[in-house]
Amino acid sequence: MKWIIRIVIVLVVLIGAGLWFGWSQLGNLVKFGIEQGTPPVVKTSVKVDHVSLSPFSGSGVIEGFQINNPDGFTGPYALRIGRTEVAVDTQSVSADKVVIQHIRITDPEINLEGGLGGTNLKHIADNAKNFVSQQTASAGQSAPAAAVPPADGKPKKSIKLQVNEILITGAKLSANAAGLVPGADARMTLPEIRLTNLGAGPDGITPAELTALILRQLNTEAVKASASGALKNMLQGGTEKIKTGGLKGLFGK
């Protein structure tokens, strides 16, 4: 009887150790997924410093998320988020749609660079939007061929999300138009951005759509800032392109 008890104890310890190892690596798996899954969407490199997640509470923190500049821009990066807090409804993880209670982005740093084709942030937002459009078009075109099953016999499904709230506070905007206006530079803090009930319908919202939406919103607020105050004064006396096209000619929509 004692040897049976010992075997059970050993099995419990091994299972517990395996679960602990799996949970301890969960953050690294998410980090890897972000760094590998985001670049095809934004068409530029992405890095993450650290991810910590709790499988019990569903809460997590993403630290040092950075989207580098696309080709044609010289700054070190376009967007850096020091800290993002995420809360997931753990009961929804195994459902058709994962519910994220909130995403709270604190003190993101936006290095806005102007160019004749629009800002670096606009380029990235457009890339994300085009990626979503291409995915949607591909899904529509492949629908008639649904009679041919995948190799494993299981249809592939994209992740569906529902995000109840996104809160972005303390966004620091650094605008640089040195390529068009030598020495032009200005800094300011953007107002709070709050988005709610994203993907609340049955179709939800995909990670790519969510990325595109956040980037578009940040670009919109950056453009508003560029049209007033210090950033507007910064661009006084710019090139003829700016004079004739206004700020839209530089920063785009």
Protein backbone atom coordinates (compact mmCIF):
# COMPACT_ATOMS: atom_id res chain seq x y z
CA MET A 1 0.00 0.00 0.00
CA LYS A 2 2.86 2.38 0.82
CA TRP A 3 4.40 2.05 -2.64
CA ILE A 4 1.08 3.05 -4.22
CA ILE A 5 0.96 6.18 -2.06
CA ARG A 6 4.54 7.01 -3.01
CA ILE A 7 3.78 6.63 -6.71
CA VAL A 8 0.76 8.91 -6.36
CA ILE A 9 2.85 11.53 -4.55
CA VAL A 10 5.56 11.39 -7.24
CA LEU A 11 2.94 11.73 -9.98
CA VAL A 12 1.37 14.71 -8.24
CA VAL A 13 4.77 16.39 -7.89
CA LEU A 14 5.62 15.74 -11.55
CA ILE A 15 2.27 17.04 -12.76
CA GLY A 16 2.58 20.10 -10.53
CA ALA A 17 6.10 20.78 -11.81
CA GLY A 18 4.92 20.41 -15.40
CA LEU A 19 2.03 22.81 -14.86
CA TRP A 20 4.31 25.31 -13.12
CA PHE A 21 6.79 25.16 -15.99
CA GLY A 22 4.00 25.63 -18.54
CA TRP A 23 2.54 28.60 -16.69
CA SER A 24 5.99 30.12 -16.16
CA GLN A 25 6.58 30.00 -19.91
CA LEU A 26 3.18 31.47 -20.80
CA GLY A 27 4.52 35.03 -20.89
CA ASN A 28 7.38 34.00 -23.17
CA LEU A 29 4.94 32.31 -25.52
CA VAL A 30 2.81 35.45 -25.71
CA LYS A 31 5.94 37.58 -26.22
CA PHE A 32 7.00 35.31 -29.08
CA GLY A 33 3.51 35.49 -30.59
CA ILE A 34 3.48 39.31 -30.51
CA GLU A 35 6.96 39.63 -32.02
CA GLN A 36 6.19 37.14 -34.77
CA GLY A 37 2.54 37.93 -35.44
CA THR A 38 2.56 41.75 -35.48
CA PRO A 39 5.25 42.53 -38.14
CA PRO A 40 3.21 41.06 -41.06
CA VAL A 41 0.34 43.34 -39.99
CA VAL A 42 2.28 46.61 -39.62
CA LYS A 43 5.01 45.83 -42.20
CA THR A 44 7.85 46.74 -39.87
CA SER A 45 9.74 45.11 -37.02
CA VAL A 46 8.29 44.82 -33.52
CA LYS A 47 9.86 43.92 -30.19
CA VAL A 48 8.66 43.29 -26.64
CA ASP A 49 10.82 43.44 -23.50
CA HIS A 50 8.73 41.29 -21.17
CA VAL A 51 5.28 39.71 -20.76
CA SER A 52 3.83 38.38 -17.52
CA LEU A 53 0.45 36.65 -17.36
CA SER A 54 -1.55 34.92 -14.66
CA PRO A 55 -3.62 31.95 -15.89
CA PHE A 56 -5.69 32.13 -12.69
CA SER A 57 -6.79 35.78 -12.64
CA GLY A 58 -6.45 36.50 -16.37
CA SER A 59 -4.45 39.65 -15.64
CA GLY A 60 -1.22 40.42 -17.39
CA VAL A 61 1.35 43.10 -18.16
CA ILE A 62 3.21 43.75 -21.42
CA GLU A 63 6.33 45.85 -20.98
CA GLY A 64 8.43 47.60 -23.60
CA PHE A 65 6.24 47.03 -26.68
CA GLN A 66 7.86 48.85 -29.60
CA ILE A 67 6.94 49.31 -33.25
CA ASN A 68 9.95 50.43 -35.26
CA ASN A 69 9.81 52.88 -38.13
CA PRO A 70 8.86 51.71 -41.62
CA ASP A 71 11.19 52.26 -44.56
CA GLY A 72 11.73 55.90 -45.43
CA PHE A 73 11.81 57.23 -41.86
CA THR A 74 14.94 57.79 -39.82
CA GLY A 75 13.86 57.78 -36.15
CA PRO A 76 14.59 54.82 -33.84
CA TYR A 77 10.93 53.89 -33.54
CA ALA A 78 7.40 55.10 -34.29
CA LEU A 79 5.64 53.92 -31.13
CA ARG A 80 6.86 52.61 -27.78
CA ILE A 81 4.56 51.55 -24.95
CA GLY A 82 6.32 51.17 -21.63
CA ARG A 83 3.47 49.35 -19.89
CA THR A 84 0.20 47.78 -20.99
CA GLU A 85 -2.15 46.14 -18.49
CA VAL A 86 -4.54 43.50 -19.80
CA ALA A 87 -7.40 41.69 -18.05
CA VAL A 88 -8.93 38.64 -19.76
CA ASP A 89 -12.13 36.86 -18.78
CA THR A 90 -10.63 33.41 -18.11
CA GLN A 91 -13.99 31.70 -18.63
CA SER A 92 -14.04 32.91 -22.24
CA VAL A 93 -10.62 31.50 -23.20
CA SER A 94 -12.09 28.20 -24.36
CA ALA A 95 -15.10 29.85 -26.03
CA ASP A 96 -15.46 30.99 -29.64
CA LYS A 97 -14.70 34.58 -28.62
CA VAL A 98 -12.13 35.63 -26.04
CA VAL A 99 -13.37 38.52 -23.90
CA ILE A 100 -10.79 41.07 -22.80
CA GLN A 101 -12.15 43.14 -19.93
CA HIS A 102 -9.71 46.00 -20.46
CA ILE A 103 -6.48 47.09 -22.09
CA ARG A 104 -4.82 50.00 -20.30
CA ILE A 105 -1.91 51.64 -22.07
CA THR A 106 0.12 54.01 -19.93
CA ASP A 107 2.45 56.77 -21.15
CA PRO A 108 3.07 55.57 -24.73
CA GLU A 109 5.75 57.46 -26.65
CA ILE A 110 4.92 58.47 -30.22
CA ASN A 111 7.74 59.69 -32.44
CA LEU A 112 5.77 61.32 -35.23
CA GLU A 113 7.83 61.95 -38.36
CA GLY A 114 6.40 63.93 -41.23
CA GLY A 115 6.99 63.12 -44.87
CA LEU A 116 5.42 63.99 -48.21
CA GLY A 117 3.45 60.74 -48.12
CA GLY A 118 2.16 61.27 -44.58
CA THR A 119 3.55 60.39 -41.16
CA ASN A 120 5.31 57.24 -40.12
CA LEU A 121 2.35 56.40 -37.88
CA LYS A 122 -0.07 56.85 -40.77
CA HIS A 123 2.02 54.50 -42.92
CA ILE A 124 1.90 51.84 -40.19
CA ALA A 125 -1.83 52.33 -39.62
CA ASP A 126 -2.46 52.05 -43.37
CA ASN A 127 -0.38 48.86 -43.51
CA ALA A 128 -2.51 47.34 -40.74
CA LYS A 129 -5.70 48.43 -42.48
CA ASN A 130 -4.54 46.94 -45.80
CA PHE A 131 -3.60 43.69 -44.06
CA VAL A 132 -7.12 43.41 -42.62
CA SER A 133 -8.64 44.16 -46.04
CA GLN A 134 -6.49 41.50 -47.70
CA GLN A 135 -7.41 38.93 -45.06
CA THR A 136 -11.08 39.72 -45.48
CA ALA A 137 -10.82 39.48 -49.27
CA SER A 138 -8.93 36.17 -49.04
CA ALA A 139 -11.58 34.76 -46.73
CA GLY A 140 -14.29 35.78 -49.16
CA GLN A 141 -12.50 34.30 -52.17
CA SER A 142 -11.79 31.03 -50.41
CA ALA A 143 -15.41 30.56 -49.32
CA PRO A 144 -16.54 28.74 -52.51
CA ALA A 145 -13.66 26.28 -52.11
CA ALA A 146 -14.78 25.29 -48.62
CA ALA A 147 -15.75 21.85 -49.92
CA VAL A 148 -12.03 20.95 -49.97
CA PRO A 149 -11.08 20.36 -46.31
CA PRO A 150 -7.65 21.26 -44.89
CA ALA A 151 -5.01 18.54 -44.64
CA ASP A 152 -5.87 17.81 -41.02
CA GLY A 153 -9.58 17.81 -41.73
CA LYS A 154 -10.17 20.69 -39.34
CA PRO A 155 -11.18 24.16 -40.59
CA LYS A 156 -8.84 26.93 -39.53
CA LYS A 157 -10.46 29.67 -37.44
CA SER A 158 -9.11 33.13 -36.73
CA ILE A 159 -9.14 34.33 -33.14
CA LYS A 160 -12.19 36.35 -32.22
CA LEU A 161 -11.89 39.00 -29.55
CA GLN A 162 -14.21 41.25 -27.62
CA VAL A 163 -12.56 44.19 -25.89
CA ASN A 164 -14.80 45.96 -23.39
CA GLU A 165 -12.47 48.91 -22.85
CA ILE A 166 -9.24 50.37 -24.17
CA LEU A 167 -7.81 53.26 -22.17
CA ILE A 168 -4.74 55.18 -23.36
CA THR A 169 -3.43 57.82 -20.97
CA GLY A 170 -0.44 60.14 -20.95
CA ALA A 171 0.54 59.60 -24.58
CA LYS A 172 3.69 61.64 -25.27
CA LEU A 173 3.87 62.98 -28.81
CA SER A 174 7.20 64.03 -30.25
CA ALA A 175 6.77 65.51 -33.72
CA ASN A 176 9.68 65.84 -36.07
CA ALA A 177 9.51 67.26 -39.56
CA ALA A 178 13.24 67.77 -39.99
CA GLY A 179 13.15 66.17 -43.42
CA LEU A 180 10.92 69.00 -44.64
CA VAL A 181 11.55 71.75 -42.10
CA PRO A 182 15.16 71.68 -40.85
CA GLY A 183 15.36 71.80 -37.06
CA ALA A 184 11.60 71.44 -36.62
CA ASP A 185 10.72 69.57 -33.44
CA ALA A 186 8.04 69.79 -30.75
CA ARG A 187 6.60 67.75 -27.88
CA MET A 188 3.22 67.55 -26.18
CA THR A 189 0.91 65.17 -24.29
CA LEU A 190 -2.20 63.90 -26.05
CA PRO A 191 -5.60 63.80 -24.34
CA GLU A 192 -6.94 60.55 -22.91
CA ILE A 193 -8.23 58.06 -25.47
CA ARG A 194 -11.02 55.65 -24.47
CA LEU A 195 -12.64 53.07 -26.73
CA THR A 196 -15.39 50.70 -25.59
CA ASN A 197 -17.39 47.66 -26.72
CA LEU A 198 -15.07 46.60 -29.54
CA GLY A 199 -16.11 43.34 -31.18
CA ALA A 200 -19.28 43.14 -29.11
CA GLY A 201 -21.18 41.49 -31.98
CA PRO A 202 -21.12 37.78 -32.82
CA ASP A 203 -18.22 38.18 -35.26
CA GLY A 204 -15.98 39.84 -32.68
CA ILE A 205 -12.80 41.61 -33.75
CA THR A 206 -9.53 40.01 -34.86
CA PRO A 207 -6.14 40.91 -33.38
CA ALA A 208 -5.18 42.54 -36.70
CA GLU A 209 -8.35 44.63 -36.72
CA LEU A 210 -7.72 45.66 -33.13
CA THR A 211 -4.14 46.68 -33.97
CA ALA A 212 -5.32 48.73 -36.96
CA LEU A 213 -8.01 50.42 -34.88
CA ILE A 214 -5.63 51.47 -32.08
CA LEU A 215 -3.06 52.78 -34.57
CA ARG A 216 -5.68 54.75 -36.50
CA GLN A 217 -6.95 56.30 -33.28
CA LEU A 218 -3.45 57.30 -32.18
CA ASN A 219 -2.76 58.78 -35.60
CA THR A 220 -6.05 60.71 -35.51
CA GLU A 221 -5.20 62.26 -32.14
CA ALA A 222 -1.66 63.02 -33.33
CA VAL A 223 -3.02 64.79 -36.41
CA LYS A 224 -5.38 66.85 -34.25
CA ALA A 225 -2.43 67.88 -32.10
CA SER A 226 -0.36 68.71 -35.16
CA ALA A 227 -3.05 71.11 -36.34
CA SER A 228 -2.90 73.30 -33.26
CA GLY A 229 -0.63 74.78 -30.64
CA ALA A 230 3.08 74.14 -30.50
CA LEU A 231 3.12 71.66 -33.35
CA LYS A 232 1.37 74.08 -35.66
CA ASN A 233 3.83 76.84 -34.76
CA MET A 234 6.70 74.42 -35.30
CA LEU A 235 5.77 74.08 -38.92
CA GLN A 236 5.46 77.79 -39.65
CA GLY A 237 7.55 78.72 -42.65
CA GLY A 238 7.71 75.16 -44.03
CA THR A 239 8.12 74.07 -47.59
CA GLU A 240 5.84 75.11 -50.44
CA LYS A 241 4.25 71.69 -50.17
CA ILE A 242 3.08 72.50 -46.67
CA LYS A 243 2.02 76.03 -47.64
CA THR A 244 -0.13 74.84 -50.50
CA GLY A 245 -1.44 71.63 -48.93
CA GLY A 246 -1.60 72.77 -45.31
CA LEU A 247 -0.79 70.42 -42.47
CA LYS A 248 -2.71 67.65 -44.20
CA GLY A 249 -0.09 67.66 -46.91
CA LEU A 250 2.52 66.80 -44.30
CA PHE A 251 0.76 64.68 -41.73
CA GLY A 252 -2.12 63.18 -43.71
CA LYS A 253 -5.33 61.96 -42.11
